[in-house]
Amino acid sequence: MIGLAITDTTPLDTTYGMYFRKDDGDTNWDFETNNNSSKSTETTIATATTGQIKLGFKITGTEKVDYYVNDVLAGTFDTNLAATEMTPTIHIAAGEGAAKTMSIDHIIAIQEK
């Protein structure tokens, strides 16, 4: 999981957030918005590979969030958008008894006023 969320000790059960996630046991990146545990999810927006992939999203006010794969608009959500303060969140968990690794080149968060 990587994105913006309100988390405590269980980032995968966050009640507010906008983030990418790759579930244990598959090779698919998904994008999810979550507002008070009401979720919108788009599955299989990209495939996790050993090569590079660029994921990003842009929030416009409290009306919509566009998500991108390799700088190409992959979709838009206009429901279940959290209008509350969230923090950058990265959660990597090893599952199925195997070590998991991921390299992050950079993360950018910008707020326009």
Protein backbone atom coordinates (compact mmCIF):
# COMPACT_ATOMS: atom_id res chain seq x y z
CA MET A 1 0.00 0.00 0.00
CA ILE A 2 1.30 3.45 -0.87
CA GLY A 3 -0.57 6.76 -0.85
CA LEU A 4 -2.37 9.05 1.58
CA ALA A 5 -4.28 7.63 4.53
CA ILE A 6 -5.28 7.99 8.14
CA THR A 7 -3.63 5.01 9.80
CA ASP A 8 -2.99 3.60 13.21
CA THR A 9 -1.52 0.14 13.62
CA THR A 10 -3.45 -1.43 10.72
CA PRO A 11 -2.77 0.51 7.49
CA LEU A 12 -4.61 -2.04 5.35
CA ASP A 13 -7.79 -1.40 7.33
CA THR A 14 -7.69 2.41 7.08
CA THR A 15 -11.05 4.17 7.10
CA TYR A 16 -9.88 7.22 5.11
CA GLY A 17 -7.42 7.25 2.24
CA MET A 18 -6.43 7.39 -1.42
CA TYR A 19 -3.78 4.84 -2.32
CA PHE A 20 -2.37 2.17 -4.58
CA ARG A 21 -2.15 -1.38 -3.28
CA LYS A 22 -0.93 -4.77 -4.45
CA ASP A 23 -2.67 -7.62 -2.69
CA ASP A 24 -0.75 -10.62 -1.45
CA GLY A 25 -0.98 -13.52 -3.88
CA ASP A 26 -1.49 -11.52 -7.08
CA THR A 27 0.58 -9.31 -9.38
CA ASN A 28 -2.00 -6.54 -9.81
CA TRP A 29 -1.79 -2.92 -8.67
CA ASP A 30 -5.18 -1.54 -7.61
CA PHE A 31 -6.28 2.01 -6.78
CA GLU A 32 -8.68 2.73 -3.95
CA THR A 33 -10.41 5.68 -2.34
CA ASN A 34 -11.91 5.28 1.10
CA ASN A 35 -14.14 7.69 3.03
CA ASN A 36 -15.35 6.54 6.43
CA SER A 37 -14.92 2.89 5.33
CA SER A 38 -16.98 3.44 2.14
CA LYS A 39 -14.62 2.30 -0.64
CA SER A 40 -14.28 2.67 -4.38
CA THR A 41 -11.75 0.29 -5.91
CA GLU A 42 -10.42 -0.18 -9.44
CA THR A 43 -8.55 -3.45 -9.68
CA THR A 44 -5.77 -4.47 -12.05
CA ILE A 45 -4.78 -0.99 -13.23
CA ALA A 46 -1.21 -2.24 -13.73
CA THR A 47 0.87 -5.38 -13.31
CA ALA A 48 3.70 -5.54 -10.80
CA THR A 49 6.86 -6.61 -12.60
CA THR A 50 10.59 -6.67 -12.01
CA GLY A 51 10.84 -3.56 -14.19
CA GLN A 52 9.90 0.00 -13.40
CA ILE A 53 6.36 1.28 -13.09
CA LYS A 54 5.26 4.81 -12.30
CA LEU A 55 2.06 5.30 -10.30
CA GLY A 56 0.53 8.64 -9.38
CA PHE A 57 -2.67 10.44 -8.53
CA LYS A 58 -3.96 14.00 -8.59
CA ILE A 59 -6.67 15.27 -6.27
CA THR A 60 -8.87 18.14 -7.43
CA GLY A 61 -10.53 19.80 -4.44
CA THR A 62 -12.93 17.38 -2.81
CA GLU A 63 -14.57 16.54 -6.14
CA LYS A 64 -12.34 14.01 -7.88
CA VAL A 65 -9.08 12.09 -7.96
CA ASP A 66 -7.38 11.05 -11.20
CA TYR A 67 -4.96 8.13 -11.08
CA TYR A 68 -2.12 7.52 -13.53
CA VAL A 69 0.03 4.61 -14.67
CA ASN A 70 3.29 5.54 -16.40
CA ASP A 71 2.08 9.15 -16.82
CA VAL A 72 -1.11 8.05 -18.63
CA LEU A 73 -4.53 8.76 -17.08
CA ALA A 74 -5.90 5.36 -16.08
CA GLY A 75 -9.15 6.52 -14.44
CA THR A 76 -11.05 8.95 -12.23
CA PHE A 77 -13.00 8.57 -9.03
CA ASP A 78 -15.56 11.15 -7.90
CA THR A 79 -17.02 9.16 -5.00
CA ASN A 80 -15.78 8.13 -1.56
CA LEU A 81 -13.17 10.89 -1.43
CA ALA A 82 -11.91 11.66 2.05
CA ALA A 83 -11.99 15.39 2.85
CA THR A 84 -9.84 15.08 5.95
CA GLU A 85 -6.15 15.40 6.77
CA MET A 86 -4.23 12.29 5.71
CA THR A 87 -0.54 11.47 5.85
CA PRO A 88 1.79 9.81 3.33
CA THR A 89 1.68 6.08 4.06
CA ILE A 90 3.82 3.21 2.82
CA HIS A 91 3.06 -0.29 4.07
CA ILE A 92 4.99 -3.34 2.89
CA ALA A 93 4.09 -6.68 4.43
CA ALA A 94 5.67 -10.03 3.63
CA GLY A 95 3.04 -12.64 3.02
CA GLU A 96 2.90 -16.25 1.95
CA GLY A 97 6.17 -16.87 3.82
CA ALA A 98 8.33 -14.99 1.32
CA ALA A 99 10.31 -11.78 1.67
CA LYS A 100 8.98 -8.86 -0.39
CA THR A 101 11.09 -6.02 -1.76
CA MET A 102 10.31 -2.76 -3.50
CA SER A 103 12.51 0.13 -4.57
CA ILE A 104 11.09 3.64 -4.51
CA ASP A 105 12.87 6.22 -6.64
CA HIS A 106 11.01 9.23 -5.29
CA ILE A 107 7.76 10.46 -3.83
CA ILE A 108 6.37 13.93 -4.51
CA ALA A 109 3.43 15.56 -2.74
CA ILE A 110 2.44 19.09 -3.76
CA GLN A 111 -0.44 21.26 -2.59
CA GLU A 112 -1.54 24.20 -4.74
CA LYS A 113 -3.30 27.14 -3.21
